[in-house]
N, C-alpha and C. Protein backbone atom coordinates (compact mmCIF):
# COMPACT_ATOMS: atom_id res chain seq x y z
N MET A 1 20.60 8.72 -3.78
CA MET A 1 20.10 8.24 -5.06
C MET A 1 18.79 7.47 -4.89
N GLY A 2 18.68 6.75 -3.76
CA GLY A 2 17.46 5.99 -3.50
C GLY A 2 16.22 6.87 -3.46
N PHE A 3 16.38 8.08 -2.92
CA PHE A 3 15.24 9.00 -2.85
C PHE A 3 14.69 9.32 -4.23
N LEU A 4 15.57 9.42 -5.21
CA LEU A 4 15.15 9.73 -6.57
C LEU A 4 14.29 8.59 -7.14
N PHE A 5 14.71 7.35 -6.90
CA PHE A 5 13.94 6.20 -7.40
C PHE A 5 12.58 6.11 -6.71
N VAL A 6 12.55 6.39 -5.40
CA VAL A 6 11.28 6.40 -4.68
C VAL A 6 10.37 7.51 -5.20
N ALA A 7 10.95 8.68 -5.42
CA ALA A 7 10.16 9.83 -5.90
C ALA A 7 9.59 9.57 -7.29
N LEU A 8 10.39 9.04 -8.18
CA LEU A 8 9.91 8.76 -9.54
C LEU A 8 8.82 7.69 -9.53
N GLY A 9 9.05 6.62 -8.78
CA GLY A 9 8.03 5.58 -8.67
C GLY A 9 6.77 6.09 -7.99
N GLY A 10 6.97 6.90 -6.96
CA GLY A 10 5.83 7.46 -6.24
C GLY A 10 4.96 8.34 -7.12
N ALA A 11 5.60 9.10 -7.98
CA ALA A 11 4.84 9.95 -8.90
C ALA A 11 3.99 9.09 -9.84
N ILE A 12 4.57 8.03 -10.35
CA ILE A 12 3.82 7.13 -11.24
C ILE A 12 2.67 6.47 -10.50
N GLY A 13 2.94 5.98 -9.29
CA GLY A 13 1.89 5.35 -8.50
C GLY A 13 0.76 6.31 -8.16
N ALA A 14 1.12 7.53 -7.77
CA ALA A 14 0.10 8.53 -7.44
C ALA A 14 -0.75 8.89 -8.65
N MET A 15 -0.12 8.98 -9.82
CA MET A 15 -0.88 9.28 -11.03
C MET A 15 -1.83 8.14 -11.37
N GLY A 16 -1.38 6.91 -11.15
CA GLY A 16 -2.24 5.76 -11.38
C GLY A 16 -3.45 5.76 -10.47
N ARG A 17 -3.21 6.07 -9.20
CA ARG A 17 -4.31 6.14 -8.24
C ARG A 17 -5.30 7.24 -8.63
N TYR A 18 -4.77 8.39 -9.02
CA TYR A 18 -5.61 9.50 -9.43
C TYR A 18 -6.43 9.12 -10.66
N ALA A 19 -5.82 8.43 -11.61
CA ALA A 19 -6.52 8.02 -12.83
C ALA A 19 -7.69 7.08 -12.51
N ILE A 20 -7.49 6.16 -11.62
CA ILE A 20 -8.58 5.27 -11.23
C ILE A 20 -9.71 6.07 -10.58
N GLY A 21 -9.34 7.06 -9.77
CA GLY A 21 -10.34 7.91 -9.13
C GLY A 21 -11.17 8.72 -10.09
N LEU A 22 -10.69 8.89 -11.30
CA LEU A 22 -11.42 9.65 -12.32
C LEU A 22 -12.47 8.81 -13.05
N LEU A 23 -12.46 7.50 -12.84
CA LEU A 23 -13.45 6.64 -13.49
C LEU A 23 -14.86 7.08 -13.09
N PRO A 24 -15.78 7.16 -14.02
CA PRO A 24 -17.14 7.65 -13.72
C PRO A 24 -18.00 6.59 -13.04
N VAL A 25 -17.76 6.39 -11.76
CA VAL A 25 -18.52 5.40 -10.99
C VAL A 25 -19.30 6.15 -9.91
N LYS A 26 -20.60 5.93 -9.87
CA LYS A 26 -21.46 6.60 -8.90
C LYS A 26 -22.04 5.56 -7.94
N THR A 27 -21.49 5.50 -6.74
CA THR A 27 -21.98 4.58 -5.72
C THR A 27 -21.52 5.09 -4.36
N SER A 28 -22.26 4.76 -3.32
CA SER A 28 -21.85 5.17 -1.98
C SER A 28 -20.78 4.24 -1.42
N PHE A 29 -20.62 3.06 -2.03
CA PHE A 29 -19.58 2.11 -1.61
C PHE A 29 -18.26 2.54 -2.25
N PRO A 30 -17.17 2.57 -1.48
CA PRO A 30 -15.88 3.05 -2.03
C PRO A 30 -15.21 2.01 -2.95
N ILE A 31 -15.89 1.69 -4.03
CA ILE A 31 -15.43 0.63 -4.94
C ILE A 31 -14.11 0.97 -5.61
N LEU A 32 -13.89 2.23 -5.96
CA LEU A 32 -12.63 2.59 -6.63
C LEU A 32 -11.44 2.46 -5.69
N THR A 33 -11.63 2.79 -4.42
CA THR A 33 -10.56 2.60 -3.43
C THR A 33 -10.30 1.12 -3.22
N LEU A 34 -11.37 0.34 -3.15
CA LEU A 34 -11.22 -1.11 -2.99
C LEU A 34 -10.46 -1.69 -4.19
N ILE A 35 -10.84 -1.29 -5.39
CA ILE A 35 -10.15 -1.76 -6.59
C ILE A 35 -8.68 -1.34 -6.56
N THR A 36 -8.42 -0.10 -6.19
CA THR A 36 -7.05 0.39 -6.10
C THR A 36 -6.24 -0.45 -5.13
N ASN A 37 -6.80 -0.72 -3.95
CA ASN A 37 -6.08 -1.50 -2.94
C ASN A 37 -5.83 -2.93 -3.41
N ILE A 38 -6.78 -3.53 -4.09
CA ILE A 38 -6.59 -4.90 -4.57
C ILE A 38 -5.54 -4.92 -5.68
N ILE A 39 -5.61 -3.98 -6.60
CA ILE A 39 -4.59 -3.91 -7.66
C ILE A 39 -3.21 -3.70 -7.03
N GLY A 40 -3.14 -2.81 -6.05
CA GLY A 40 -1.86 -2.56 -5.37
C GLY A 40 -1.34 -3.80 -4.66
N ALA A 41 -2.24 -4.57 -4.05
CA ALA A 41 -1.82 -5.79 -3.37
C ALA A 41 -1.30 -6.82 -4.37
N VAL A 42 -1.99 -6.96 -5.50
CA VAL A 42 -1.53 -7.89 -6.55
C VAL A 42 -0.17 -7.44 -7.07
N LEU A 43 -0.03 -6.15 -7.32
CA LEU A 43 1.23 -5.61 -7.85
C LEU A 43 2.38 -5.84 -6.87
N ILE A 44 2.19 -5.51 -5.60
CA ILE A 44 3.30 -5.66 -4.66
C ILE A 44 3.60 -7.13 -4.39
N GLY A 45 2.57 -7.99 -4.48
CA GLY A 45 2.80 -9.43 -4.35
C GLY A 45 3.63 -9.95 -5.51
N PHE A 46 3.31 -9.50 -6.72
CA PHE A 46 4.07 -9.87 -7.91
C PHE A 46 5.52 -9.40 -7.78
N ILE A 47 5.69 -8.15 -7.37
CA ILE A 47 7.03 -7.59 -7.23
C ILE A 47 7.83 -8.35 -6.18
N ALA A 48 7.21 -8.64 -5.04
CA ALA A 48 7.90 -9.39 -3.98
C ALA A 48 8.29 -10.78 -4.48
N GLY A 49 7.42 -11.40 -5.26
CA GLY A 49 7.73 -12.72 -5.81
C GLY A 49 8.90 -12.67 -6.77
N VAL A 50 8.91 -11.66 -7.64
CA VAL A 50 10.01 -11.51 -8.60
C VAL A 50 11.32 -11.27 -7.85
N ILE A 51 11.28 -10.41 -6.85
CA ILE A 51 12.48 -10.08 -6.08
C ILE A 51 13.03 -11.30 -5.36
N SER A 52 12.14 -12.11 -4.80
CA SER A 52 12.60 -13.27 -4.03
C SER A 52 13.12 -14.40 -4.92
N SER A 53 12.74 -14.40 -6.19
CA SER A 53 13.17 -15.48 -7.07
C SER A 53 14.36 -15.10 -7.96
N ARG A 54 14.81 -13.87 -7.87
CA ARG A 54 15.92 -13.42 -8.72
C ARG A 54 16.95 -12.68 -7.87
N GLU A 55 18.19 -13.02 -8.10
CA GLU A 55 19.26 -12.36 -7.35
C GLU A 55 19.70 -11.05 -8.01
N GLU A 56 19.44 -10.91 -9.30
CA GLU A 56 19.97 -9.77 -10.05
C GLU A 56 19.10 -8.51 -9.97
N VAL A 57 18.07 -8.49 -9.15
CA VAL A 57 17.23 -7.31 -9.02
C VAL A 57 17.97 -6.26 -8.20
N SER A 58 18.12 -5.09 -8.77
CA SER A 58 18.89 -4.03 -8.09
C SER A 58 18.08 -3.43 -6.94
N PRO A 59 18.76 -2.99 -5.91
CA PRO A 59 18.08 -2.32 -4.80
C PRO A 59 17.30 -1.09 -5.25
N ASN A 60 17.80 -0.39 -6.27
CA ASN A 60 17.10 0.79 -6.78
C ASN A 60 15.79 0.39 -7.47
N ALA A 61 15.77 -0.76 -8.13
CA ALA A 61 14.54 -1.24 -8.76
C ALA A 61 13.51 -1.59 -7.68
N VAL A 62 13.97 -2.17 -6.59
CA VAL A 62 13.07 -2.49 -5.48
C VAL A 62 12.49 -1.21 -4.90
N LEU A 63 13.34 -0.21 -4.67
CA LEU A 63 12.85 1.07 -4.16
C LEU A 63 11.85 1.70 -5.12
N PHE A 64 12.15 1.66 -6.41
CA PHE A 64 11.27 2.24 -7.41
C PHE A 64 9.90 1.57 -7.39
N TRP A 65 9.87 0.23 -7.45
CA TRP A 65 8.61 -0.50 -7.58
C TRP A 65 7.85 -0.64 -6.27
N LYS A 66 8.51 -1.14 -5.22
CA LYS A 66 7.79 -1.41 -3.97
C LYS A 66 7.47 -0.12 -3.21
N THR A 67 8.50 0.64 -2.89
CA THR A 67 8.29 1.84 -2.09
C THR A 67 7.69 2.97 -2.92
N GLY A 68 8.19 3.13 -4.14
CA GLY A 68 7.73 4.22 -4.98
C GLY A 68 6.38 3.98 -5.62
N VAL A 69 6.34 3.09 -6.62
CA VAL A 69 5.09 2.88 -7.36
C VAL A 69 3.98 2.37 -6.44
N CYS A 70 4.25 1.29 -5.72
CA CYS A 70 3.19 0.73 -4.86
C CYS A 70 2.84 1.68 -3.71
N GLY A 71 3.85 2.32 -3.13
CA GLY A 71 3.60 3.27 -2.05
C GLY A 71 2.82 4.48 -2.51
N GLY A 72 3.12 4.96 -3.70
CA GLY A 72 2.38 6.09 -4.26
C GLY A 72 0.98 5.70 -4.69
N PHE A 73 0.83 4.46 -5.11
CA PHE A 73 -0.47 3.97 -5.56
C PHE A 73 -1.37 3.69 -4.37
N THR A 74 -0.86 2.96 -3.39
CA THR A 74 -1.60 2.67 -2.17
C THR A 74 -0.68 2.10 -1.12
N THR A 75 -0.67 2.69 0.07
CA THR A 75 0.13 2.10 1.14
C THR A 75 -0.52 0.84 1.68
N PHE A 76 -1.76 0.61 1.31
CA PHE A 76 -2.44 -0.61 1.75
C PHE A 76 -1.72 -1.83 1.19
N SER A 77 -1.10 -1.69 0.04
CA SER A 77 -0.36 -2.81 -0.54
C SER A 77 0.82 -3.20 0.34
N ALA A 78 1.51 -2.22 0.90
CA ALA A 78 2.64 -2.52 1.79
C ALA A 78 2.13 -3.20 3.06
N PHE A 79 1.05 -2.69 3.63
CA PHE A 79 0.44 -3.32 4.80
C PHE A 79 0.05 -4.76 4.49
N SER A 80 -0.56 -4.97 3.34
CA SER A 80 -1.01 -6.32 2.96
C SER A 80 0.16 -7.28 2.82
N LEU A 81 1.25 -6.83 2.20
CA LEU A 81 2.42 -7.67 2.04
C LEU A 81 3.03 -8.01 3.40
N GLU A 82 3.14 -7.03 4.27
CA GLU A 82 3.71 -7.28 5.59
C GLU A 82 2.85 -8.24 6.40
N ALA A 83 1.54 -8.05 6.37
CA ALA A 83 0.63 -8.95 7.09
C ALA A 83 0.71 -10.36 6.51
N PHE A 84 0.71 -10.47 5.19
CA PHE A 84 0.79 -11.77 4.53
C PHE A 84 2.11 -12.47 4.88
N THR A 85 3.20 -11.72 4.87
CA THR A 85 4.50 -12.30 5.18
C THR A 85 4.53 -12.84 6.61
N LEU A 86 3.97 -12.11 7.54
CA LEU A 86 3.91 -12.61 8.92
C LEU A 86 3.12 -13.92 8.99
N LEU A 87 1.98 -13.98 8.32
CA LEU A 87 1.16 -15.19 8.32
C LEU A 87 1.87 -16.32 7.57
N GLU A 88 2.50 -15.99 6.46
CA GLU A 88 3.24 -16.98 5.67
C GLU A 88 4.40 -17.58 6.47
N ASP A 89 5.02 -16.74 7.30
CA ASP A 89 6.12 -17.19 8.16
C ASP A 89 5.62 -17.87 9.43
N GLN A 90 4.33 -18.11 9.48
CA GLN A 90 3.65 -18.79 10.59
C GLN A 90 3.72 -18.01 11.90
N ALA A 91 3.90 -16.69 11.79
CA ALA A 91 3.83 -15.83 12.97
C ALA A 91 2.39 -15.35 13.08
N TYR A 92 1.49 -16.33 13.31
CA TYR A 92 0.05 -16.07 13.25
C TYR A 92 -0.41 -15.02 14.26
N LEU A 93 0.02 -15.15 15.49
CA LEU A 93 -0.41 -14.20 16.51
C LEU A 93 0.07 -12.79 16.15
N LEU A 94 1.33 -12.70 15.79
CA LEU A 94 1.89 -11.39 15.42
C LEU A 94 1.16 -10.82 14.20
N GLY A 95 0.86 -11.67 13.22
CA GLY A 95 0.15 -11.23 12.03
C GLY A 95 -1.24 -10.71 12.34
N ILE A 96 -1.97 -11.44 13.15
CA ILE A 96 -3.33 -11.03 13.53
C ILE A 96 -3.30 -9.75 14.35
N VAL A 97 -2.35 -9.66 15.27
CA VAL A 97 -2.23 -8.44 16.07
C VAL A 97 -1.90 -7.25 15.18
N TYR A 98 -1.00 -7.46 14.22
CA TYR A 98 -0.64 -6.39 13.29
C TYR A 98 -1.84 -5.94 12.47
N ILE A 99 -2.60 -6.89 11.98
CA ILE A 99 -3.79 -6.56 11.18
C ILE A 99 -4.80 -5.79 12.02
N LEU A 100 -5.10 -6.30 13.20
CA LEU A 100 -6.09 -5.64 14.07
C LEU A 100 -5.62 -4.25 14.50
N LEU A 101 -4.36 -4.15 14.92
CA LEU A 101 -3.85 -2.84 15.34
C LEU A 101 -3.84 -1.85 14.17
N SER A 102 -3.50 -2.32 12.99
CA SER A 102 -3.47 -1.44 11.83
C SER A 102 -4.85 -0.90 11.50
N VAL A 103 -5.83 -1.80 11.44
CA VAL A 103 -7.19 -1.37 11.07
C VAL A 103 -7.79 -0.50 12.17
N VAL A 104 -7.75 -0.98 13.39
CA VAL A 104 -8.33 -0.21 14.50
C VAL A 104 -7.55 1.08 14.73
N GLY A 105 -6.23 1.00 14.67
CA GLY A 105 -5.40 2.19 14.88
C GLY A 105 -5.65 3.26 13.82
N CYS A 106 -5.76 2.82 12.56
CA CYS A 106 -5.99 3.80 11.49
C CYS A 106 -7.39 4.39 11.55
N LEU A 107 -8.39 3.58 11.87
CA LEU A 107 -9.74 4.12 12.02
C LEU A 107 -9.81 5.08 13.20
N THR A 108 -9.12 4.74 14.28
CA THR A 108 -9.06 5.63 15.44
C THR A 108 -8.32 6.92 15.08
N GLY A 109 -7.25 6.78 14.30
CA GLY A 109 -6.51 7.96 13.85
C GLY A 109 -7.37 8.90 13.02
N ILE A 110 -8.18 8.33 12.15
CA ILE A 110 -9.10 9.15 11.33
C ILE A 110 -10.08 9.89 12.25
N PHE A 111 -10.63 9.16 13.21
CA PHE A 111 -11.57 9.76 14.17
C PHE A 111 -10.90 10.91 14.91
N CYS A 112 -9.70 10.68 15.43
CA CYS A 112 -8.99 11.72 16.18
C CYS A 112 -8.64 12.90 15.30
N GLY A 113 -8.18 12.62 14.08
CA GLY A 113 -7.86 13.70 13.16
C GLY A 113 -9.06 14.56 12.83
N LYS A 114 -10.22 13.91 12.64
CA LYS A 114 -11.44 14.68 12.35
C LYS A 114 -11.83 15.52 13.55
N LYS A 115 -11.72 14.96 14.75
CA LYS A 115 -12.06 15.72 15.95
C LYS A 115 -11.11 16.89 16.11
N LEU A 116 -9.81 16.68 15.86
CA LEU A 116 -8.85 17.76 15.97
C LEU A 116 -9.13 18.86 14.95
N SER A 117 -9.57 18.48 13.75
CA SER A 117 -9.83 19.48 12.72
C SER A 117 -11.00 20.37 13.10
N VAL A 118 -11.94 19.83 13.84
CA VAL A 118 -13.10 20.62 14.28
C VAL A 118 -12.65 21.65 15.32
N MET A 119 -11.63 21.31 16.09
CA MET A 119 -11.16 22.19 17.15
C MET A 119 -10.33 23.34 16.59
N MET A 120 -9.92 23.29 15.33
CA MET A 120 -9.06 24.32 14.75
C MET A 120 -9.86 25.50 14.28
């Protein structure tokens, strides 16, 4: 049943991301992606706050909003929440390592993926 809530939320999140991408903005700076990531971070922060302050939030609602909507909208929101939580829990070294490995690892992954695509 959880998969259904994730799928429904993911569809909504993906449509939201697509809609932002349709905005008529002409610039070489990826402003729409930046806006999407910031909105996603605010949304997942709000959701995490609501979940932590209320006991009656169902696990399916959490799956729908956090994993589904936010995950479909931007996975950067999940990364941001996890990094923030580590820093908030005063696991500073772990938080910084996670941030650095995520950014460097993902940029390296893009580089490797592009190189692999050329070889195909």
